[in-house]
Amino acid sequence: MAKKSRNEARLRRHLRVRKKVFGTPDRPRMNVFRSLTQIYVQVIDDFQGHTLASASSIDTELRPELEGLSNLEKAQKVGLAIAERAKEAGVNKVIFDRGGYKYSGRVKAMAEAAREGGLEF
């Protein structure tokens, strides 16, 4: 039996979470993806399959203020940015989808910053 890669295991966890987590128009899903160096967040309406707001550590708007920061600090800035952009799109409440990652480190920092920015979940 071949050993599963870390990403395959994460995808299996994510599918398990996605069975229960579904974004509605009044409470969309906030999805997180992180790579070794970057973090990406989307607010998604699963009924229509549309992304309502997004932010990432490679955004051209955020890029200048992220230079020289640690990955954890970048995640916090991205969390504040997604909260601001979601509010502009008329979203105040979301369902958090951690994407199969543990709720610690960069994922937790981004989520807490989004809460500070005014998103409820």
PDB file of N, CA and C in Angstrom:
ATOM      1  N   MET A   1       0.846  -1.188   0.000  1.00  0.00           N
ATOM      2  CA  MET A   1       0.000   0.000   0.000  1.00  0.00           C
ATOM      3  C   MET A   1       0.887   1.245   0.000  1.00  0.00           C
ATOM      4  N   ALA A   2       0.669   2.121  -0.973  1.00  0.00           N
ATOM      5  CA  ALA A   2       1.478   3.337  -1.098  1.00  0.00           C
ATOM      6  C   ALA A   2       1.056   4.363  -0.057  1.00  0.00           C
ATOM      7  N   LYS A   3       2.047   5.072   0.429  1.00  0.00           N
ATOM      8  CA  LYS A   3       1.782   6.109   1.425  1.00  0.00           C
ATOM      9  C   LYS A   3       1.175   7.332   0.740  1.00  0.00           C
ATOM     10  N   LYS A   4       0.167   7.923   1.373  1.00  0.00           N
ATOM     11  CA  LYS A   4      -0.476   9.120   0.843  1.00  0.00           C
ATOM     12  C   LYS A   4       0.435  10.327   1.052  1.00  0.00           C
ATOM     13  N   SER A   5       0.430  11.214   0.065  1.00  0.00           N
ATOM     14  CA  SER A   5       1.196  12.434   0.236  1.00  0.00           C
ATOM     15  C   SER A   5       0.452  13.356   1.211  1.00  0.00           C
ATOM     16  N   ARG A   6       1.137  14.336   1.712  1.00  0.00           N
ATOM     17  CA  ARG A   6       0.510  15.272   2.653  1.00  0.00           C
ATOM     18  C   ARG A   6      -0.654  15.988   1.992  1.00  0.00           C
ATOM     19  N   ASN A   7      -0.495  16.358   0.705  1.00  0.00           N
ATOM     20  CA  ASN A   7      -1.559  17.085   0.030  1.00  0.00           C
ATOM     21  C   ASN A   7      -2.759  16.187  -0.236  1.00  0.00           C
ATOM     22  N   GLU A   8      -2.533  14.914  -0.562  1.00  0.00           N
ATOM     23  CA  GLU A   8      -3.656  13.993  -0.759  1.00  0.00           C
ATOM     24  C   GLU A   8      -4.447  13.829   0.533  1.00  0.00           C
ATOM     25  N   ALA A   9      -3.735  13.740   1.648  1.00  0.00           N
ATOM     26  CA  ALA A   9      -4.402  13.628   2.950  1.00  0.00           C
ATOM     27  C   ALA A   9      -5.189  14.900   3.254  1.00  0.00           C
ATOM     28  N   ARG A  10      -4.620  16.057   2.927  1.00  0.00           N
ATOM     29  CA  ARG A  10      -5.322  17.325   3.149  1.00  0.00           C
ATOM     30  C   ARG A  10      -6.581  17.389   2.297  1.00  0.00           C
ATOM     31  N   LEU A  11      -6.492  16.965   1.039  1.00  0.00           N
ATOM     32  CA  LEU A  11      -7.656  16.981   0.157  1.00  0.00           C
ATOM     33  C   LEU A  11      -8.761  16.064   0.681  1.00  0.00           C
ATOM     34  N   ARG A  12      -8.385  14.917   1.243  1.00  0.00           N
ATOM     35  CA  ARG A  12      -9.386  14.021   1.832  1.00  0.00           C
ATOM     36  C   ARG A  12     -10.064  14.692   3.027  1.00  0.00           C
ATOM     37  N   ARG A  13      -9.272  15.365   3.866  1.00  0.00           N
ATOM     38  CA  ARG A  13      -9.856  16.092   5.011  1.00  0.00           C
ATOM     39  C   ARG A  13     -10.775  17.194   4.516  1.00  0.00           C
ATOM     40  N   HIS A  14     -10.343  17.899   3.460  1.00  0.00           N
ATOM     41  CA  HIS A  14     -11.134  19.003   2.920  1.00  0.00           C
ATOM     42  C   HIS A  14     -12.475  18.498   2.396  1.00  0.00           C
ATOM     43  N   LEU A  15     -12.463  17.380   1.690  1.00  0.00           N
ATOM     44  CA  LEU A  15     -13.722  16.814   1.188  1.00  0.00           C
ATOM     45  C   LEU A  15     -14.648  16.433   2.334  1.00  0.00           C
ATOM     46  N   ARG A  16     -14.082  15.930   3.418  1.00  0.00           N
ATOM     47  CA  ARG A  16     -14.873  15.567   4.587  1.00  0.00           C
ATOM     48  C   ARG A  16     -15.543  16.808   5.181  1.00  0.00           C
ATOM     49  N   VAL A  17     -14.791  17.906   5.242  1.00  0.00           N
ATOM     50  CA  VAL A  17     -15.338  19.158   5.771  1.00  0.00           C
ATOM     51  C   VAL A  17     -16.384  19.722   4.808  1.00  0.00           C
ATOM     52  N   ARG A  18     -16.120  19.611   3.493  1.00  0.00           N
ATOM     53  CA  ARG A  18     -17.011  20.201   2.492  1.00  0.00           C
ATOM     54  C   ARG A  18     -18.367  19.509   2.417  1.00  0.00           C
ATOM     55  N   LYS A  19     -18.474  18.282   2.930  1.00  0.00           N
ATOM     56  CA  LYS A  19     -19.775  17.612   2.977  1.00  0.00           C
ATOM     57  C   LYS A  19     -20.743  18.393   3.854  1.00  0.00           C
ATOM     58  N   LYS A  20     -20.192  19.058   4.881  1.00  0.00           N
ATOM     59  CA  LYS A  20     -21.023  19.750   5.872  1.00  0.00           C
ATOM     60  C   LYS A  20     -21.086  21.252   5.632  1.00  0.00           C
ATOM     61  N   VAL A  21     -20.045  21.827   5.044  1.00  0.00           N
ATOM     62  CA  VAL A  21     -19.951  23.280   4.905  1.00  0.00           C
ATOM     63  C   VAL A  21     -20.410  23.689   3.512  1.00  0.00           C
ATOM     64  N   PHE A  22     -21.473  24.502   3.462  1.00  0.00           N
ATOM     65  CA  PHE A  22     -22.010  24.967   2.180  1.00  0.00           C
ATOM     66  C   PHE A  22     -22.349  26.439   2.301  1.00  0.00           C
ATOM     67  N   GLY A  23     -21.851  27.250   1.375  1.00  0.00           N
ATOM     68  CA  GLY A  23     -22.083  28.684   1.427  1.00  0.00           C
ATOM     69  C   GLY A  23     -23.395  29.069   0.768  1.00  0.00           C
ATOM     70  N   THR A  24     -24.196  29.854   1.456  1.00  0.00           N
ATOM     71  CA  THR A  24     -25.459  30.345   0.907  1.00  0.00           C
ATOM     72  C   THR A  24     -25.295  31.814   0.531  1.00  0.00           C
ATOM     73  N   PRO A  25     -26.255  32.388  -0.215  1.00  0.00           N
ATOM     74  CA  PRO A  25     -26.119  33.814  -0.571  1.00  0.00           C
ATOM     75  C   PRO A  25     -26.053  34.745   0.642  1.00  0.00           C
ATOM     76  N   ASP A  26     -26.804  34.416   1.722  1.00  0.00           N
ATOM     77  CA  ASP A  26     -26.767  35.291   2.900  1.00  0.00           C
ATOM     78  C   ASP A  26     -25.610  34.957   3.836  1.00  0.00           C
ATOM     79  N   ARG A  27     -25.032  33.764   3.711  1.00  0.00           N
ATOM     80  CA  ARG A  27     -23.881  33.382   4.543  1.00  0.00           C
ATOM     81  C   ARG A  27     -22.918  32.554   3.686  1.00  0.00           C
ATOM     82  N   PRO A  28     -22.092  33.235   2.874  1.00  0.00           N
ATOM     83  CA  PRO A  28     -21.192  32.520   1.972  1.00  0.00           C
ATOM     84  C   PRO A  28     -20.044  31.824   2.706  1.00  0.00           C
ATOM     85  N   ARG A  29     -19.372  30.963   1.986  1.00  0.00           N
ATOM     86  CA  ARG A  29     -18.258  30.181   2.537  1.00  0.00           C
ATOM     87  C   ARG A  29     -16.955  30.946   2.326  1.00  0.00           C
ATOM     88  N   MET A  30     -16.143  31.038   3.387  1.00  0.00           N
ATOM     89  CA  MET A  30     -14.826  31.660   3.275  1.00  0.00           C
ATOM     90  C   MET A  30     -13.785  30.550   3.237  1.00  0.00           C
ATOM     91  N   ASN A  31     -13.198  30.339   2.063  1.00  0.00           N
ATOM     92  CA  ASN A  31     -12.266  29.249   1.835  1.00  0.00           C
ATOM     93  C   ASN A  31     -10.825  29.736   1.930  1.00  0.00           C
ATOM     94  N   VAL A  32      -9.956  28.906   2.524  1.00  0.00           N
ATOM     95  CA  VAL A  32      -8.545  29.241   2.700  1.00  0.00           C
ATOM     96  C   VAL A  32      -7.686  28.222   1.956  1.00  0.00           C
ATOM     97  N   PHE A  33      -6.680  28.711   1.258  1.00  0.00           N
ATOM     98  CA  PHE A  33      -5.649  27.847   0.696  1.00  0.00           C
ATOM     99  C   PHE A  33      -4.310  28.451   1.068  1.00  0.00           C
ATOM    100  N   ARG A  34      -3.398  27.600   1.530  1.00  0.00           N
ATOM    101  CA  ARG A  34      -2.069  28.112   1.832  1.00  0.00           C
ATOM    102  C   ARG A  34      -1.028  27.234   1.159  1.00  0.00           C
ATOM    103  N   SER A  35      -0.020  27.889   0.624  1.00  0.00           N
ATOM    104  CA  SER A  35       1.129  27.171   0.087  1.00  0.00           C
ATOM    105  C   SER A  35       2.270  27.381   1.077  1.00  0.00           C
ATOM    106  N   LEU A  36       3.461  26.980   0.711  1.00  0.00           N
ATOM    107  CA  LEU A  36       4.573  27.147   1.643  1.00  0.00           C
ATOM    108  C   LEU A  36       4.840  28.614   1.957  1.00  0.00           C
ATOM    109  N   THR A  37       4.642  29.489   0.972  1.00  0.00           N
ATOM    110  CA  THR A  37       4.997  30.891   1.173  1.00  0.00           C
ATOM    111  C   THR A  37       3.819  31.861   1.070  1.00  0.00           C
ATOM    112  N   GLN A  38       2.695  31.437   0.497  1.00  0.00           N
ATOM    113  CA  GLN A  38       1.578  32.351   0.246  1.00  0.00           C
ATOM    114  C   GLN A  38       0.316  31.848   0.935  1.00  0.00           C
ATOM    115  N   ILE A  39      -0.691  32.750   1.042  1.00  0.00           N
ATOM    116  CA  ILE A  39      -2.003  32.379   1.559  1.00  0.00           C
ATOM    117  C   ILE A  39      -3.058  33.071   0.696  1.00  0.00           C
ATOM    118  N   TYR A  40      -4.119  32.345   0.388  1.00  0.00           N
ATOM    119  CA  TYR A  40      -5.179  32.825  -0.490  1.00  0.00           C
ATOM    120  C   TYR A  40      -6.516  32.596   0.211  1.00  0.00           C
ATOM    121  N   VAL A  41      -7.428  33.582   0.113  1.00  0.00           N
ATOM    122  CA  VAL A  41      -8.739  33.468   0.741  1.00  0.00           C
ATOM    123  C   VAL A  41      -9.799  33.913  -0.254  1.00  0.00           C
ATOM    124  N   GLN A  42     -10.913  33.173  -0.305  1.00  0.00           N
ATOM    125  CA  GLN A  42     -12.037  33.555  -1.155  1.00  0.00           C
ATOM    126  C   GLN A  42     -13.320  33.474  -0.351  1.00  0.00           C
ATOM    127  N   VAL A  43     -14.259  34.378  -0.646  1.00  0.00           N
ATOM    128  CA  VAL A  43     -15.606  34.300  -0.108  1.00  0.00           C
ATOM    129  C   VAL A  43     -16.483  33.855  -1.271  1.00  0.00           C
ATOM    130  N   ILE A  44     -17.106  32.667  -1.118  1.00  0.00           N
ATOM    131  CA  ILE A  44     -17.770  32.007  -2.240  1.00  0.00           C
ATOM    132  C   ILE A  44     -19.245  31.763  -1.945  1.00  0.00           C
ATOM    133  N   ASP A  45     -20.111  32.109  -2.906  1.00  0.00           N
ATOM    134  CA  ASP A  45     -21.528  31.755  -2.872  1.00  0.00           C
ATOM    135  C   ASP A  45     -21.664  30.432  -3.626  1.00  0.00           C
ATOM    136  N   ASP A  46     -21.894  29.336  -2.900  1.00  0.00           N
ATOM    137  CA  ASP A  46     -21.923  28.017  -3.532  1.00  0.00           C
ATOM    138  C   ASP A  46     -23.192  27.772  -4.350  1.00  0.00           C
ATOM    139  N   PHE A  47     -24.274  28.513  -4.100  1.00  0.00           N
ATOM    140  CA  PHE A  47     -25.483  28.342  -4.901  1.00  0.00           C
ATOM    141  C   PHE A  47     -25.224  28.739  -6.352  1.00  0.00           C
ATOM    142  N   GLN A  48     -24.615  29.895  -6.548  1.00  0.00           N
ATOM    143  CA  GLN A  48     -24.344  30.371  -7.898  1.00  0.00           C
ATOM    144  C   GLN A  48     -22.947  29.978  -8.380  1.00  0.00           C
ATOM    145  N   GLY A  49     -22.094  29.561  -7.458  1.00  0.00           N
ATOM    146  CA  GLY A  49     -20.734  29.202  -7.830  1.00  0.00           C
ATOM    147  C   GLY A  49     -19.877  30.413  -8.137  1.00  0.00           C
ATOM    148  N   HIS A  50     -20.175  31.535  -7.481  1.00  0.00           N
ATOM    149  CA  HIS A  50     -19.439  32.775  -7.729  1.00  0.00           C
ATOM    150  C   HIS A  50     -18.555  33.133  -6.544  1.00  0.00           C
ATOM    151  N   THR A  51     -17.399  33.691  -6.849  1.00  0.00           N
ATOM    152  CA  THR A  51     -16.538  34.256  -5.826  1.00  0.00           C
ATOM    153  C   THR A  51     -16.956  35.700  -5.610  1.00  0.00           C
ATOM    154  N   LEU A  52     -17.332  36.041  -4.390  1.00  0.00           N
ATOM    155  CA  LEU A  52     -17.814  37.392  -4.080  1.00  0.00           C
ATOM    156  C   LEU A  52     -16.668  38.329  -3.728  1.00  0.00           C
ATOM    157  N   ALA A  53     -15.637  37.795  -3.075  1.00  0.00           N
ATOM    158  CA  ALA A  53     -14.479  38.598  -2.696  1.00  0.00           C
ATOM    159  C   ALA A  53     -13.286  37.665  -2.550  1.00  0.00           C
ATOM    160  N   SER A  54     -12.102  38.210  -2.790  1.00  0.00           N
ATOM    161  CA  SER A  54     -10.900  37.402  -2.609  1.00  0.00           C
ATOM    162  C   SER A  54      -9.750  38.297  -2.198  1.00  0.00           C
ATOM    163  N   ALA A  55      -8.777  37.682  -1.557  1.00  0.00           N
ATOM    164  CA  ALA A  55      -7.551  38.385  -1.166  1.00  0.00           C
ATOM    165  C   ALA A  55      -6.451  37.342  -1.057  1.00  0.00           C
ATOM    166  N   SER A  56      -5.245  37.763  -1.330  1.00  0.00           N
ATOM    167  CA  SER A  56      -4.118  36.834  -1.200  1.00  0.00           C
ATOM    168  C   SER A  56      -2.849  37.618  -0.940  1.00  0.00           C
ATOM    169  N   SER A  57      -1.813  36.884  -0.584  1.00  0.00           N
ATOM    170  CA  SER A  57      -0.539  37.536  -0.302  1.00  0.00           C
ATOM    171  C   SER A  57       0.207  37.892  -1.582  1.00  0.00           C
ATOM    172  N   ILE A  58      -0.359  37.568  -2.750  1.00  0.00           N
ATOM    173  CA  ILE A  58       0.262  37.981  -4.016  1.00  0.00           C
ATOM    174  C   ILE A  58      -0.548  39.063  -4.714  1.00  0.00           C
ATOM    175  N   ASP A  59      -1.573  39.599  -4.032  1.00  0.00           N
ATOM    176  CA  ASP A  59      -2.366  40.704  -4.591  1.00  0.00           C
ATOM    177  C   ASP A  59      -1.484  41.896  -4.912  1.00  0.00           C
ATOM    178  N   THR A  60      -1.733  42.518  -6.042  1.00  0.00           N
ATOM    179  CA  THR A  60      -0.928  43.679  -6.414  1.00  0.00           C
ATOM    180  C   THR A  60      -1.155  44.840  -5.446  1.00  0.00           C
ATOM    181  N   GLU A  61      -2.361  44.954  -4.887  1.00  0.00           N
ATOM    182  CA  GLU A  61      -2.645  46.037  -3.936  1.00  0.00           C
ATOM    183  C   GLU A  61      -1.917  45.815  -2.607  1.00  0.00           C
ATOM    184  N   LEU A  62      -1.852  44.564  -2.161  1.00  0.00           N
ATOM    185  CA  LEU A  62      -1.258  44.266  -0.855  1.00  0.00           C
ATOM    186  C   LEU A  62       0.248  44.067  -0.917  1.00  0.00           C
ATOM    187  N   ARG A  63       0.763  43.729  -2.076  1.00  0.00           N
ATOM    188  CA  ARG A  63       2.169  43.331  -2.226  1.00  0.00           C
ATOM    189  C   ARG A  63       3.167  44.314  -1.593  1.00  0.00           C
ATOM    190  N   PRO A  64       3.027  45.630  -1.835  1.00  0.00           N
ATOM    191  CA  PRO A  64       4.024  46.559  -1.263  1.00  0.00           C
ATOM    192  C   PRO A  64       4.078  46.545   0.267  1.00  0.00           C
ATOM    193  N   GLU A  65       2.924  46.420   0.920  1.00  0.00           N
ATOM    194  CA  GLU A  65       2.934  46.461   2.382  1.00  0.00           C
ATOM    195  C   GLU A  65       3.285  45.104   3.003  1.00  0.00           C
ATOM    196  N   LEU A  66       3.395  44.053   2.201  1.00  0.00           N
ATOM    197  CA  LEU A  66       3.735  42.728   2.713  1.00  0.00           C
ATOM    198  C   LEU A  66       5.218  42.412   2.623  1.00  0.00           C
ATOM    199  N   GLU A  67       5.963  43.247   1.923  1.00  0.00           N
ATOM    200  CA  GLU A  67       7.390  42.969   1.741  1.00  0.00           C
ATOM    201  C   GLU A  67       8.122  42.986   3.081  1.00  0.00           C
ATOM    202  N   GLY A  68       8.925  41.965   3.296  1.00  0.00           N
ATOM    203  CA  GLY A  68       9.731  41.886   4.503  1.00  0.00           C
ATOM    204  C   GLY A  68       9.010  41.352   5.723  1.00  0.00           C
ATOM    205  N   LEU A  69       7.719  40.998   5.593  1.00  0.00           N
ATOM    206  CA  LEU A  69       6.970  40.464   6.730  1.00  0.00           C
ATOM    207  C   LEU A  69       7.084  38.946   6.771  1.00  0.00           C
ATOM    208  N   SER A  70       6.852  38.377   7.945  1.00  0.00           N
ATOM    209  CA  SER A  70       6.840  36.920   8.064  1.00  0.00           C
ATOM    210  C   SER A  70       5.539  36.387   7.468  1.00  0.00           C
ATOM    211  N   ASN A  71       5.483  35.087   7.230  1.00  0.00           N
ATOM    212  CA  ASN A  71       4.276  34.482   6.672  1.00  0.00           C
ATOM    213  C   ASN A  71       3.074  34.684   7.586  1.00  0.00           C
ATOM    214  N   LEU A  72       3.289  34.656   8.904  1.00  0.00           N
ATOM    215  CA  LEU A  72       2.211  34.862   9.863  1.00  0.00           C
ATOM    216  C   LEU A  72       1.662  36.291   9.764  1.00  0.00           C
ATOM    217  N   GLU A  73       2.559  37.260   9.659  1.00  0.00           N
ATOM    218  CA  GLU A  73       2.135  38.660   9.533  1.00  0.00           C
ATOM    219  C   GLU A  73       1.430  38.901   8.198  1.00  0.00           C
ATOM    220  N   LYS A  74       1.895  38.233   7.136  1.00  0.00           N
ATOM    221  CA  LYS A  74       1.219  38.339   5.839  1.00  0.00           C
ATOM    222  C   LYS A  74      -0.209  37.813   5.954  1.00  0.00           C
ATOM    223  N   ALA A  75      -0.386  36.688   6.654  1.00  0.00           N
ATOM    224  CA  ALA A  75      -1.706  36.088   6.825  1.00  0.00           C
ATOM    225  C   ALA A  75      -2.647  37.049   7.560  1.00  0.00           C
ATOM    226  N   GLN A  76      -2.125  37.770   8.549  1.00  0.00           N
ATOM    227  CA  GLN A  76      -2.946  38.736   9.281  1.00  0.00           C
ATOM    228  C   GLN A  76      -3.400  39.869   8.365  1.00  0.00           C
ATOM    229  N   LYS A  77      -2.495  40.377   7.537  1.00  0.00           N
ATOM    230  CA  LYS A  77      -2.845  41.458   6.604  1.00  0.00           C
ATOM    231  C   LYS A  77      -3.884  40.978   5.590  1.00  0.00           C
ATOM    232  N   VAL A  78      -3.730  39.744   5.113  1.00  0.00           N
ATOM    233  CA  VAL A  78      -4.693  39.181   4.157  1.00  0.00           C
ATOM    234  C   VAL A  78      -6.058  39.025   4.826  1.00  0.00           C
ATOM    235  N   GLY A  79      -6.088  38.638   6.103  1.00  0.00           N
ATOM    236  CA  GLY A  79      -7.343  38.524   6.847  1.00  0.00           C
ATOM    237  C   GLY A  79      -8.069  39.851   6.951  1.00  0.00           C
ATOM    238  N   LEU A  80      -7.330  40.907   7.244  1.00  0.00           N
ATOM    239  CA  LEU A  80      -7.952  42.241   7.301  1.00  0.00           C
ATOM    240  C   LEU A  80      -8.455  42.662   5.928  1.00  0.00           C
ATOM    241  N   ALA A  81      -7.692  42.343   4.877  1.00  0.00           N
ATOM    242  CA  ALA A  81      -8.084  42.716   3.514  1.00  0.00           C
ATOM    243  C   ALA A  81      -9.347  41.981   3.082  1.00  0.00           C
ATOM    244  N   ILE A  82      -9.465  40.691   3.404  1.00  0.00           N
ATOM    245  CA  ILE A  82     -10.655  39.941   2.990  1.00  0.00           C
ATOM    246  C   ILE A  82     -11.889  40.445   3.738  1.00  0.00           C
ATOM    247  N   ALA A  83     -11.723  40.838   4.997  1.00  0.00           N
ATOM    248  CA  ALA A  83     -12.853  41.379   5.753  1.00  0.00           C
ATOM    249  C   ALA A  83     -13.341  42.674   5.109  1.00  0.00           C
ATOM    250  N   GLU A  84     -12.409  43.531   4.731  1.00  0.00           N
ATOM    251  CA  GLU A  84     -12.758  44.799   4.093  1.00  0.00           C
ATOM    252  C   GLU A  84     -13.453  44.575   2.743  1.00  0.00           C
ATOM    253  N   ARG A  85     -12.906  43.675   1.932  1.00  0.00           N
ATOM    254  CA  ARG A  85     -13.470  43.413   0.603  1.00  0.00           C
ATOM    255  C   ARG A  85     -14.819  42.710   0.681  1.00  0.00           C
ATOM    256  N   ALA A  86     -14.989  41.837   1.673  1.00  0.00           N
ATOM    257  CA  ALA A  86     -16.276  41.161   1.840  1.00  0.00           C
ATOM    258  C   ALA A  86     -17.347  42.161   2.248  1.00  0.00           C
ATOM    259  N   LYS A  87     -16.985  43.091   3.121  1.00  0.00           N
ATOM    260  CA  LYS A  87     -17.949  44.114   3.527  1.00  0.00           C
ATOM    261  C   LYS A  87     -18.349  44.996   2.348  1.00  0.00           C
ATOM    262  N   GLU A  88     -17.380  45.304   1.468  1.00  0.00           N
ATOM    263  CA  GLU A  88     -17.697  46.069   0.259  1.00  0.00           C
ATOM    264  C   GLU A  88     -18.677  45.315  -0.632  1.00  0.00           C
ATOM    265  N   ALA A  89     -18.591  43.988  -0.611  1.00  0.00           N
ATOM    266  CA  ALA A  89     -19.487  43.150  -1.414  1.00  0.00           C
ATOM    267  C   ALA A  89     -20.810  42.888  -0.689  1.00  0.00           C
ATOM    268  N   GLY A  90     -20.980  43.463   0.502  1.00  0.00           N
ATOM    269  CA  GLY A  90     -22.224  43.323   1.248  1.00  0.00           C
ATOM    270  C   GLY A  90     -22.303  42.063   2.094  1.00  0.00           C
ATOM    271  N   VAL A  91     -21.170  41.488   2.445  1.00  0.00           N
ATOM    272  CA  VAL A  91     -21.146  40.253   3.239  1.00  0.00           C
ATOM    273  C   VAL A  91     -20.622  40.573   4.635  1.00  0.00           C
ATOM    274  N   ASN A  92     -21.417  40.225   5.662  1.00  0.00           N
ATOM    275  CA  ASN A  92     -20.984  40.419   7.045  1.00  0.00           C
ATOM    276  C   ASN A  92     -20.768  39.107   7.778  1.00  0.00           C
ATOM    277  N   LYS A  93     -21.515  38.059   7.377  1.00  0.00           N
ATOM    278  CA  LYS A  93     -21.411  36.758   8.026  1.00  0.00           C
ATOM    279  C   LYS A  93     -20.939  35.734   7.007  1.00  0.00           C
ATOM    280  N   VAL A  94     -20.008  34.884   7.409  1.00  0.00           N
ATOM    281  CA  VAL A  94     -19.504  33.830   6.541  1.00  0.00           C
ATOM    282  C   VAL A  94     -19.432  32.519   7.317  1.00  0.00           C
ATOM    283  N   ILE A  95     -19.289  31.429   6.567  1.00  0.00           N
ATOM    284  CA  ILE A  95     -18.997  30.119   7.142  1.00  0.00           C
ATOM    285  C   ILE A  95     -17.538  29.855   6.834  1.00  0.00           C
ATOM    286  N   PHE A  96     -16.760  29.514   7.843  1.00  0.00           N
ATOM    287  CA  PHE A  96     -15.318  29.346   7.658  1.00  0.00           C
ATOM    288  C   PHE A  96     -14.995  27.937   7.185  1.00  0.00           C
ATOM    289  N   ASP A  97     -14.269  27.845   6.074  1.00  0.00           N
ATOM    290  CA  ASP A  97     -13.820  26.574   5.517  1.00  0.00           C
ATOM    291  C   ASP A  97     -12.295  26.582   5.566  1.00  0.00           C
ATOM    292  N   ARG A  98     -11.734  25.822   6.488  1.00  0.00           N
ATOM    293  CA  ARG A  98     -10.287  25.862   6.693  1.00  0.00           C
ATOM    294  C   ARG A  98      -9.512  25.062   5.656  1.00  0.00           C
ATOM    295  N   GLY A  99     -10.206  24.434   4.725  1.00  0.00           N
ATOM    296  CA  GLY A  99      -9.553  23.786   3.593  1.00  0.00           C
ATOM    297  C   GLY A  99      -8.749  22.552   3.936  1.00  0.00           C
ATOM    298  N   GLY A 100      -9.091  21.867   5.033  1.00  0.00           N
ATOM    299  CA  GLY A 100      -8.359  20.669   5.407  1.00  0.00           C
ATOM    300  C   GLY A 100      -7.100  20.940   6.208  1.00  0.00           C
ATOM    301  N   TYR A 101      -6.825  22.213   6.474  1.00  0.00           N
ATOM    302  CA  TYR A 101      -5.641  22.564   7.274  1.00  0.00           C
ATOM    303  C   TYR A 101      -6.036  22.610   8.743  1.00  0.00           C
ATOM    304  N   LYS A 102      -5.056  22.432   9.633  1.00  0.00           N
ATOM    305  CA  LYS A 102      -5.305  22.592  11.058  1.00  0.00           C
ATOM    306  C   LYS A 102      -5.596  24.064  11.336  1.00  0.00           C
ATOM    307  N   TYR A 103      -6.464  24.308  12.324  1.00  0.00           N
ATOM    308  CA  TYR A 103      -6.761  25.687  12.708  1.00  0.00           C
ATOM    309  C   TYR A 103      -5.666  26.161  13.651  1.00  0.00           C
ATOM    310  N   SER A 104      -4.510  26.435  13.086  1.00  0.00           N
ATOM    311  CA  SER A 104      -3.391  26.948  13.859  1.00  0.00           C
ATOM    312  C   SER A 104      -2.480  27.700  12.913  1.00  0.00           C
ATOM    313  N   GLY A 105      -1.541  28.419  13.456  1.00  0.00           N
ATOM    314  CA  GLY A 105      -0.563  29.119  12.634  1.00  0.00           C
ATOM    315  C   GLY A 105      -1.172  30.164  11.720  1.00  0.00           C
ATOM    316  N   ARG A 106      -0.834  30.084  10.438  1.00  0.00           N
ATOM    317  CA  ARG A 106      -1.267  31.100   9.473  1.00  0.00           C
ATOM    318  C   ARG A 106      -2.771  31.097   9.255  1.00  0.00           C
ATOM    319  N   VAL A 107      -3.398  29.909   9.268  1.00  0.00           N
ATOM    320  CA  VAL A 107      -4.844  29.827   9.067  1.00  0.00           C
ATOM    321  C   VAL A 107      -5.563  30.525  10.220  1.00  0.00           C
ATOM    322  N   LYS A 108      -5.110  30.270  11.445  1.00  0.00           N
ATOM    323  CA  LYS A 108      -5.717  30.891  12.627  1.00  0.00           C
ATOM    324  C   LYS A 108      -5.474  32.404  12.629  1.00  0.00           C
ATOM    325  N   ALA A 109      -4.266  32.835  12.284  1.00  0.00           N
ATOM    326  CA  ALA A 109      -3.935  34.262  12.258  1.00  0.00           C
ATOM    327  C   ALA A 109      -4.808  34.988  11.247  1.00  0.00           C
ATOM    328  N   MET A 110      -5.004  34.387  10.069  1.00  0.00           N
ATOM    329  CA  MET A 110      -5.841  35.001   9.036  1.00  0.00           C
ATOM    330  C   MET A 110      -7.288  35.088   9.511  1.00  0.00           C
ATOM    331  N   ALA A 111      -7.793  34.010  10.123  1.00  0.00           N
ATOM    332  CA  ALA A 111      -9.186  33.992  10.584  1.00  0.00           C
ATOM    333  C   ALA A 111      -9.424  35.022  11.682  1.00  0.00           C
ATOM    334  N   GLU A 112      -8.506  35.122  12.630  1.00  0.00           N
ATOM    335  CA  GLU A 112      -8.688  36.088  13.719  1.00  0.00           C
ATOM    336  C   GLU A 112      -8.609  37.525  13.209  1.00  0.00           C
ATOM    337  N   ALA A 113      -7.746  37.765  12.220  1.00  0.00           N
ATOM    338  CA  ALA A 113      -7.662  39.107  11.638  1.00  0.00           C
ATOM    339  C   ALA A 113      -8.950  39.438  10.884  1.00  0.00           C
ATOM    340  N   ALA A 114      -9.535  38.452  10.212  1.00  0.00           N
ATOM    341  CA  ALA A 114     -10.811  38.683   9.510  1.00  0.00           C
ATOM    342  C   ALA A 114     -11.912  39.003  10.510  1.00  0.00           C
ATOM    343  N   ARG A 115     -11.887  38.332  11.666  1.00  0.00           N
ATOM    344  CA  ARG A 115     -12.865  38.655  12.714  1.00  0.00           C
ATOM    345  C   ARG A 115     -12.675  40.067  13.229  1.00  0.00           C
ATOM    346  N   GLU A 116     -11.417  40.462  13.429  1.00  0.00           N
ATOM    347  CA  GLU A 116     -11.131  41.830  13.871  1.00  0.00           C
ATOM    348  C   GLU A 116     -11.614  42.839  12.840  1.00  0.00           C
ATOM    349  N   GLY A 117     -11.523  42.468  11.568  1.00  0.00           N
ATOM    350  CA  GLY A 117     -11.967  43.341  10.487  1.00  0.00           C
ATOM    351  C   GLY A 117     -13.471  43.461  10.382  1.00  0.00           C
ATOM    352  N   GLY A 118     -14.216  42.642  11.140  1.00  0.00           N
ATOM    353  CA  GLY A 118     -15.664  42.782  11.180  1.00  0.00           C
ATOM    354  C   GLY A 118     -16.456  41.625  10.602  1.00  0.00           C
ATOM    355  N   LEU A 119     -15.807  40.565  10.123  1.00  0.00           N
ATOM    356  CA  LEU A 119     -16.541  39.406   9.622  1.00  0.00           C
ATOM    357  C   LEU A 119     -16.981  38.535  10.795  1.00  0.00           C
ATOM    358  N   GLU A 120     -18.208  37.986  10.697  1.00  0.00           N
ATOM    359  CA  GLU A 120     -18.714  37.101  11.745  1.00  0.00           C
ATOM    360  C   GLU A 120     -18.678  35.674  11.249  1.00  0.00           C
ATOM    361  N   PHE A 121     -18.080  34.789  12.041  1.00  0.00           N
ATOM    362  CA  PHE A 121     -18.148  33.351  11.783  1.00  0.00           C
ATOM    363  C   PHE A 121     -17.772  32.574  13.029  1.00  0.00           C
TER     364      PHE A 121
END
